[in-house]
Amino acid sequence: MKYHESGREDHAKILEEMHKTPTRASKIRNTWRLASISSSVRRRYDEEEALALFLEADFTMHQYNMMRRGAKDRNADIYPSYKRILNEKKRCYPESVSVTEFLAEVKFQDLLNHTVSQILMS
């Protein structure tokens, strides 16, 4: 009653739920314990890992988004958005890449700078 009077409705509802049956409190506690264990074990993919998965599995954008949505529906938000993967992919290329219908070219110094920065990051 004190929780209701003080406006702490969530607390009051939980206590009411616990008192419905003698075993309800232990069931609630076990559920919380299992939820905390599973969330502490779960680890999100960073953008680099997700890009590697995307390329290795040869996913389309639609396939990746379906997989991500399926994980989120199961309370496992472990995959970054497709937009973040595209940004990570752009970071894998040197800045001065120019592509035409017949030619692809990159400035040698930009290629060297990019290669050295990737080596240092790894």
N, C-alpha and C. Protein backbone atom coordinates (compact mmCIF):
# COMPACT_ATOMS: atom_id res chain seq x y z
N MET A 1 0.82 -1.20 0.00
CA MET A 1 0.00 0.00 0.00
C MET A 1 0.86 1.26 0.00
N LYS A 2 2.00 1.21 0.71
CA LYS A 2 2.88 2.38 0.76
C LYS A 2 3.41 2.73 -0.64
N TYR A 3 3.71 1.72 -1.44
CA TYR A 3 4.18 2.00 -2.79
C TYR A 3 3.09 2.66 -3.63
N HIS A 4 1.85 2.21 -3.49
CA HIS A 4 0.75 2.85 -4.21
C HIS A 4 0.60 4.30 -3.77
N GLU A 5 0.66 4.51 -2.46
CA GLU A 5 0.48 5.87 -1.92
C GLU A 5 1.59 6.82 -2.37
N SER A 6 2.82 6.29 -2.51
CA SER A 6 3.93 7.16 -2.90
C SER A 6 4.06 7.30 -4.42
N GLY A 7 3.16 6.64 -5.18
CA GLY A 7 3.17 6.76 -6.63
C GLY A 7 4.15 5.83 -7.32
N ARG A 8 4.68 4.88 -6.61
CA ARG A 8 5.63 3.93 -7.19
C ARG A 8 4.86 2.70 -7.66
N GLU A 9 4.13 2.89 -8.74
CA GLU A 9 3.21 1.85 -9.23
C GLU A 9 3.93 0.59 -9.72
N ASP A 10 5.10 0.75 -10.33
CA ASP A 10 5.83 -0.43 -10.79
C ASP A 10 6.22 -1.34 -9.63
N HIS A 11 6.68 -0.72 -8.55
CA HIS A 11 7.04 -1.51 -7.37
C HIS A 11 5.81 -2.23 -6.80
N ALA A 12 4.72 -1.51 -6.74
CA ALA A 12 3.49 -2.10 -6.20
C ALA A 12 3.02 -3.27 -7.05
N LYS A 13 3.08 -3.13 -8.37
CA LYS A 13 2.63 -4.20 -9.27
C LYS A 13 3.51 -5.45 -9.11
N ILE A 14 4.81 -5.25 -8.97
CA ILE A 14 5.71 -6.40 -8.80
C ILE A 14 5.41 -7.12 -7.50
N LEU A 15 5.20 -6.37 -6.43
CA LEU A 15 4.88 -7.01 -5.15
C LEU A 15 3.55 -7.75 -5.21
N GLU A 16 2.57 -7.16 -5.86
CA GLU A 16 1.27 -7.84 -6.02
C GLU A 16 1.45 -9.14 -6.79
N GLU A 17 2.25 -9.11 -7.84
CA GLU A 17 2.48 -10.30 -8.65
C GLU A 17 3.19 -11.39 -7.84
N MET A 18 4.14 -10.99 -7.00
CA MET A 18 4.87 -11.97 -6.19
C MET A 18 3.97 -12.67 -5.18
N HIS A 19 2.95 -12.02 -4.71
CA HIS A 19 2.11 -12.58 -3.65
C HIS A 19 0.92 -13.38 -4.18
N LYS A 20 0.81 -13.57 -5.47
CA LYS A 20 -0.33 -14.32 -6.02
C LYS A 20 -0.28 -15.79 -5.64
N THR A 21 0.89 -16.42 -5.72
CA THR A 21 1.04 -17.82 -5.33
C THR A 21 2.33 -17.97 -4.55
N PRO A 22 2.47 -19.03 -3.76
CA PRO A 22 3.68 -19.21 -2.94
C PRO A 22 4.97 -19.36 -3.76
N THR A 23 4.86 -19.88 -4.97
CA THR A 23 6.08 -20.11 -5.76
C THR A 23 6.37 -18.98 -6.75
N ARG A 24 5.51 -17.99 -6.81
CA ARG A 24 5.67 -16.93 -7.80
C ARG A 24 6.96 -16.13 -7.60
N ALA A 25 7.32 -15.83 -6.37
CA ALA A 25 8.52 -15.03 -6.11
C ALA A 25 9.77 -15.74 -6.62
N SER A 26 9.88 -17.05 -6.39
CA SER A 26 11.07 -17.77 -6.87
C SER A 26 11.08 -17.86 -8.39
N LYS A 27 9.91 -17.96 -9.03
CA LYS A 27 9.86 -17.99 -10.49
C LYS A 27 10.32 -16.64 -11.07
N ILE A 28 9.89 -15.56 -10.46
CA ILE A 28 10.30 -14.23 -10.91
C ILE A 28 11.81 -14.06 -10.74
N ARG A 29 12.33 -14.49 -9.60
CA ARG A 29 13.76 -14.37 -9.33
C ARG A 29 14.57 -15.18 -10.33
N ASN A 30 14.14 -16.40 -10.63
CA ASN A 30 14.85 -17.23 -11.61
C ASN A 30 14.83 -16.61 -13.00
N THR A 31 13.71 -16.02 -13.36
CA THR A 31 13.60 -15.35 -14.65
C THR A 31 14.58 -14.19 -14.74
N TRP A 32 14.66 -13.38 -13.71
CA TRP A 32 15.59 -12.25 -13.69
C TRP A 32 17.03 -12.74 -13.75
N ARG A 33 17.33 -13.82 -13.00
CA ARG A 33 18.69 -14.35 -12.98
C ARG A 33 19.08 -14.84 -14.38
N LEU A 34 18.19 -15.59 -15.04
CA LEU A 34 18.48 -16.08 -16.38
C LEU A 34 18.63 -14.94 -17.38
N ALA A 35 17.80 -13.91 -17.23
CA ALA A 35 17.89 -12.76 -18.14
C ALA A 35 19.22 -12.04 -17.95
N SER A 36 19.67 -11.90 -16.72
CA SER A 36 20.94 -11.19 -16.50
C SER A 36 22.11 -12.02 -16.98
N ILE A 37 22.03 -13.35 -16.86
CA ILE A 37 23.11 -14.20 -17.35
C ILE A 37 23.19 -14.13 -18.87
N SER A 38 22.05 -14.26 -19.54
CA SER A 38 22.08 -14.26 -21.00
C SER A 38 22.50 -12.91 -21.55
N SER A 39 22.13 -11.81 -20.90
CA SER A 39 22.52 -10.50 -21.42
C SER A 39 23.99 -10.21 -21.14
N SER A 40 24.55 -10.78 -20.08
CA SER A 40 25.96 -10.54 -19.81
C SER A 40 26.86 -11.38 -20.71
N VAL A 41 26.37 -12.52 -21.18
CA VAL A 41 27.14 -13.38 -22.07
C VAL A 41 27.08 -12.85 -23.50
N ARG A 42 25.97 -12.26 -23.87
CA ARG A 42 25.77 -11.76 -25.22
C ARG A 42 26.71 -10.58 -25.48
N ARG A 43 27.36 -10.60 -26.63
CA ARG A 43 28.27 -9.53 -26.99
C ARG A 43 27.93 -9.04 -28.39
N ARG A 44 27.85 -7.73 -28.54
CA ARG A 44 27.50 -7.13 -29.83
C ARG A 44 28.66 -7.25 -30.81
N TYR A 45 28.32 -7.40 -32.08
CA TYR A 45 29.31 -7.30 -33.15
C TYR A 45 29.70 -5.84 -33.29
N ASP A 46 30.98 -5.56 -33.39
CA ASP A 46 31.34 -4.19 -33.76
C ASP A 46 31.24 -4.09 -35.29
N GLU A 47 31.42 -2.90 -35.82
CA GLU A 47 31.21 -2.70 -37.25
C GLU A 47 32.16 -3.55 -38.10
N GLU A 48 33.39 -3.68 -37.66
CA GLU A 48 34.37 -4.45 -38.42
C GLU A 48 34.00 -5.94 -38.45
N GLU A 49 33.58 -6.48 -37.32
CA GLU A 49 33.17 -7.89 -37.26
C GLU A 49 31.93 -8.13 -38.11
N ALA A 50 30.98 -7.20 -38.04
CA ALA A 50 29.74 -7.36 -38.81
C ALA A 50 30.02 -7.27 -40.31
N LEU A 51 30.94 -6.38 -40.71
CA LEU A 51 31.31 -6.29 -42.12
C LEU A 51 31.96 -7.59 -42.58
N ALA A 52 32.84 -8.16 -41.76
CA ALA A 52 33.48 -9.43 -42.10
C ALA A 52 32.43 -10.53 -42.26
N LEU A 53 31.46 -10.58 -41.35
CA LEU A 53 30.38 -11.56 -41.45
C LEU A 53 29.57 -11.35 -42.72
N PHE A 54 29.22 -10.10 -43.00
CA PHE A 54 28.43 -9.74 -44.18
C PHE A 54 29.14 -10.19 -45.46
N LEU A 55 30.44 -9.93 -45.56
CA LEU A 55 31.19 -10.28 -46.77
C LEU A 55 31.44 -11.79 -46.86
N GLU A 56 31.79 -12.41 -45.74
CA GLU A 56 32.08 -13.84 -45.74
C GLU A 56 30.84 -14.66 -46.10
N ALA A 57 29.68 -14.25 -45.58
CA ALA A 57 28.44 -14.98 -45.86
C ALA A 57 27.82 -14.58 -47.19
N ASP A 58 28.38 -13.55 -47.83
CA ASP A 58 27.88 -13.06 -49.11
C ASP A 58 26.40 -12.67 -49.02
N PHE A 59 26.07 -11.94 -47.92
CA PHE A 59 24.70 -11.49 -47.71
C PHE A 59 24.33 -10.37 -48.66
N THR A 60 23.06 -10.28 -48.98
CA THR A 60 22.52 -9.07 -49.60
C THR A 60 22.09 -8.15 -48.47
N MET A 61 21.78 -6.91 -48.80
CA MET A 61 21.30 -5.98 -47.79
C MET A 61 20.03 -6.53 -47.14
N HIS A 62 19.14 -7.07 -47.93
CA HIS A 62 17.88 -7.61 -47.42
C HIS A 62 18.13 -8.79 -46.47
N GLN A 63 19.02 -9.69 -46.83
CA GLN A 63 19.32 -10.84 -45.97
C GLN A 63 19.90 -10.39 -44.63
N TYR A 64 20.83 -9.44 -44.68
CA TYR A 64 21.43 -8.94 -43.45
C TYR A 64 20.38 -8.29 -42.56
N ASN A 65 19.55 -7.45 -43.15
CA ASN A 65 18.52 -6.77 -42.36
C ASN A 65 17.50 -7.76 -41.78
N MET A 66 17.20 -8.83 -42.51
CA MET A 66 16.30 -9.86 -41.97
C MET A 66 16.95 -10.56 -40.78
N MET A 67 18.22 -10.89 -40.89
CA MET A 67 18.92 -11.53 -39.79
C MET A 67 18.97 -10.61 -38.57
N ARG A 68 19.27 -9.34 -38.82
CA ARG A 68 19.34 -8.36 -37.73
C ARG A 68 17.98 -8.20 -37.06
N ARG A 69 16.92 -8.11 -37.86
CA ARG A 69 15.57 -7.96 -37.32
C ARG A 69 15.17 -9.20 -36.50
N GLY A 70 15.53 -10.39 -36.99
CA GLY A 70 15.23 -11.62 -36.26
C GLY A 70 15.91 -11.66 -34.91
N ALA A 71 17.15 -11.22 -34.86
CA ALA A 71 17.87 -11.19 -33.58
C ALA A 71 17.23 -10.16 -32.64
N LYS A 72 16.88 -9.00 -33.18
CA LYS A 72 16.25 -7.97 -32.34
C LYS A 72 14.90 -8.42 -31.80
N ASP A 73 14.15 -9.19 -32.62
CA ASP A 73 12.85 -9.70 -32.16
C ASP A 73 13.02 -10.67 -31.00
N ARG A 74 14.21 -11.25 -30.87
CA ARG A 74 14.48 -12.18 -29.78
C ARG A 74 15.30 -11.51 -28.67
N ASN A 75 15.21 -10.20 -28.60
CA ASN A 75 15.90 -9.39 -27.59
C ASN A 75 17.41 -9.59 -27.63
N ALA A 76 17.97 -9.76 -28.81
CA ALA A 76 19.41 -9.89 -28.98
C ALA A 76 19.86 -8.87 -30.02
N ASP A 77 19.93 -7.63 -29.63
CA ASP A 77 20.33 -6.56 -30.54
C ASP A 77 21.86 -6.58 -30.66
N ILE A 78 22.38 -7.52 -31.45
CA ILE A 78 23.82 -7.74 -31.50
C ILE A 78 24.47 -7.28 -32.80
N TYR A 79 23.67 -6.94 -33.80
CA TYR A 79 24.22 -6.53 -35.09
C TYR A 79 24.05 -5.03 -35.29
N PRO A 80 25.10 -4.35 -35.77
CA PRO A 80 24.94 -2.92 -36.07
C PRO A 80 24.08 -2.73 -37.31
N SER A 81 23.60 -1.53 -37.49
CA SER A 81 22.74 -1.24 -38.65
C SER A 81 23.52 -1.39 -39.95
N TYR A 82 22.78 -1.60 -41.02
CA TYR A 82 23.41 -1.75 -42.34
C TYR A 82 24.17 -0.47 -42.71
N LYS A 83 23.63 0.67 -42.34
CA LYS A 83 24.28 1.94 -42.64
C LYS A 83 25.67 2.01 -41.98
N ARG A 84 25.77 1.51 -40.75
CA ARG A 84 27.07 1.52 -40.06
C ARG A 84 28.05 0.56 -40.73
N ILE A 85 27.55 -0.53 -41.28
CA ILE A 85 28.42 -1.45 -42.01
C ILE A 85 28.94 -0.79 -43.29
N LEU A 86 28.07 -0.06 -43.98
CA LEU A 86 28.52 0.64 -45.19
C LEU A 86 29.59 1.68 -44.86
N ASN A 87 29.41 2.39 -43.75
CA ASN A 87 30.43 3.36 -43.34
C ASN A 87 31.76 2.68 -43.05
N GLU A 88 31.70 1.51 -42.41
CA GLU A 88 32.92 0.75 -42.14
C GLU A 88 33.57 0.29 -43.43
N LYS A 89 32.76 -0.10 -44.39
CA LYS A 89 33.28 -0.56 -45.68
C LYS A 89 34.00 0.59 -46.40
N LYS A 90 33.45 1.80 -46.32
CA LYS A 90 34.08 2.96 -46.95
C LYS A 90 35.44 3.25 -46.35
N ARG A 91 35.59 2.95 -45.04
CA ARG A 91 36.87 3.18 -44.38
C ARG A 91 37.95 2.21 -44.86
N CYS A 92 37.55 1.15 -45.54
CA CYS A 92 38.50 0.14 -46.03
C CYS A 92 39.17 0.53 -47.33
N TYR A 93 38.76 1.62 -47.92
CA TYR A 93 39.31 2.05 -49.20
C TYR A 93 40.08 3.35 -49.04
N PRO A 94 41.14 3.55 -49.84
CA PRO A 94 41.84 4.83 -49.80
C PRO A 94 40.91 5.95 -50.30
N GLU A 95 41.28 7.18 -49.97
CA GLU A 95 40.41 8.32 -50.27
C GLU A 95 40.28 8.64 -51.76
N SER A 96 41.35 8.53 -52.51
CA SER A 96 41.34 9.06 -53.88
C SER A 96 41.07 7.99 -54.94
N VAL A 97 40.16 7.08 -54.68
CA VAL A 97 39.82 6.08 -55.67
C VAL A 97 38.88 6.72 -56.68
N SER A 98 39.23 6.59 -57.98
CA SER A 98 38.33 7.07 -59.02
C SER A 98 38.06 5.91 -59.98
N VAL A 99 36.81 5.70 -60.26
CA VAL A 99 36.41 4.58 -61.11
C VAL A 99 35.58 5.12 -62.26
N THR A 100 35.95 4.73 -63.46
CA THR A 100 35.16 5.05 -64.64
C THR A 100 34.74 3.75 -65.29
N GLU A 101 34.12 3.85 -66.42
CA GLU A 101 33.67 2.65 -67.12
C GLU A 101 34.83 1.76 -67.55
N PHE A 102 35.97 2.36 -67.85
CA PHE A 102 37.11 1.61 -68.38
C PHE A 102 38.33 1.60 -67.47
N LEU A 103 38.30 2.34 -66.35
CA LEU A 103 39.52 2.51 -65.58
C LEU A 103 39.20 2.67 -64.09
N ALA A 104 40.05 2.10 -63.28
CA ALA A 104 40.00 2.35 -61.84
C ALA A 104 41.41 2.76 -61.42
N GLU A 105 41.51 3.88 -60.71
CA GLU A 105 42.85 4.34 -60.34
C GLU A 105 42.81 4.97 -58.96
N VAL A 106 43.98 4.92 -58.30
CA VAL A 106 44.15 5.50 -56.98
C VAL A 106 45.55 6.11 -56.91
N LYS A 107 45.67 7.22 -56.22
CA LYS A 107 46.97 7.86 -56.07
C LYS A 107 47.84 6.99 -55.17
N PHE A 108 49.08 6.79 -55.59
CA PHE A 108 49.97 5.88 -54.90
C PHE A 108 50.21 6.31 -53.45
N GLN A 109 50.39 7.58 -53.20
CA GLN A 109 50.64 8.06 -51.84
C GLN A 109 49.42 7.80 -50.95
N ASP A 110 48.23 8.01 -51.48
CA ASP A 110 47.02 7.73 -50.70
C ASP A 110 46.91 6.24 -50.38
N LEU A 111 47.29 5.40 -51.33
CA LEU A 111 47.28 3.95 -51.10
C LEU A 111 48.27 3.57 -50.00
N LEU A 112 49.46 4.14 -50.05
CA LEU A 112 50.45 3.87 -49.01
C LEU A 112 49.98 4.36 -47.65
N ASN A 113 49.45 5.57 -47.60
CA ASN A 113 48.95 6.11 -46.32
C ASN A 113 47.85 5.23 -45.75
N HIS A 114 46.94 4.82 -46.60
CA HIS A 114 45.84 3.98 -46.15
C HIS A 114 46.35 2.62 -45.65
N THR A 115 47.28 2.02 -46.38
CA THR A 115 47.82 0.72 -45.98
C THR A 115 48.53 0.81 -44.64
N VAL A 116 49.33 1.84 -44.43
CA VAL A 116 50.03 2.02 -43.18
C VAL A 116 49.05 2.24 -42.03
N SER A 117 48.03 3.04 -42.27
CA SER A 117 47.06 3.29 -41.19
C SER A 117 46.30 2.02 -40.82
N GLN A 118 45.97 1.18 -41.81
CA GLN A 118 45.29 -0.08 -41.53
C GLN A 118 46.20 -1.04 -40.75
N ILE A 119 47.47 -1.06 -41.09
CA ILE A 119 48.43 -1.91 -40.37
C ILE A 119 48.54 -1.45 -38.92
N LEU A 120 48.63 -0.14 -38.73
CA LEU A 120 48.77 0.40 -37.37
C LEU A 120 47.50 0.15 -36.53
N MET A 121 46.35 0.22 -37.17
CA MET A 121 45.10 -0.03 -36.44
C MET A 121 44.99 -1.49 -36.02
N SER A 122 45.52 -2.39 -36.82
CA SER A 122 45.39 -3.81 -36.46
C SER A 122 46.49 -4.18 -35.49
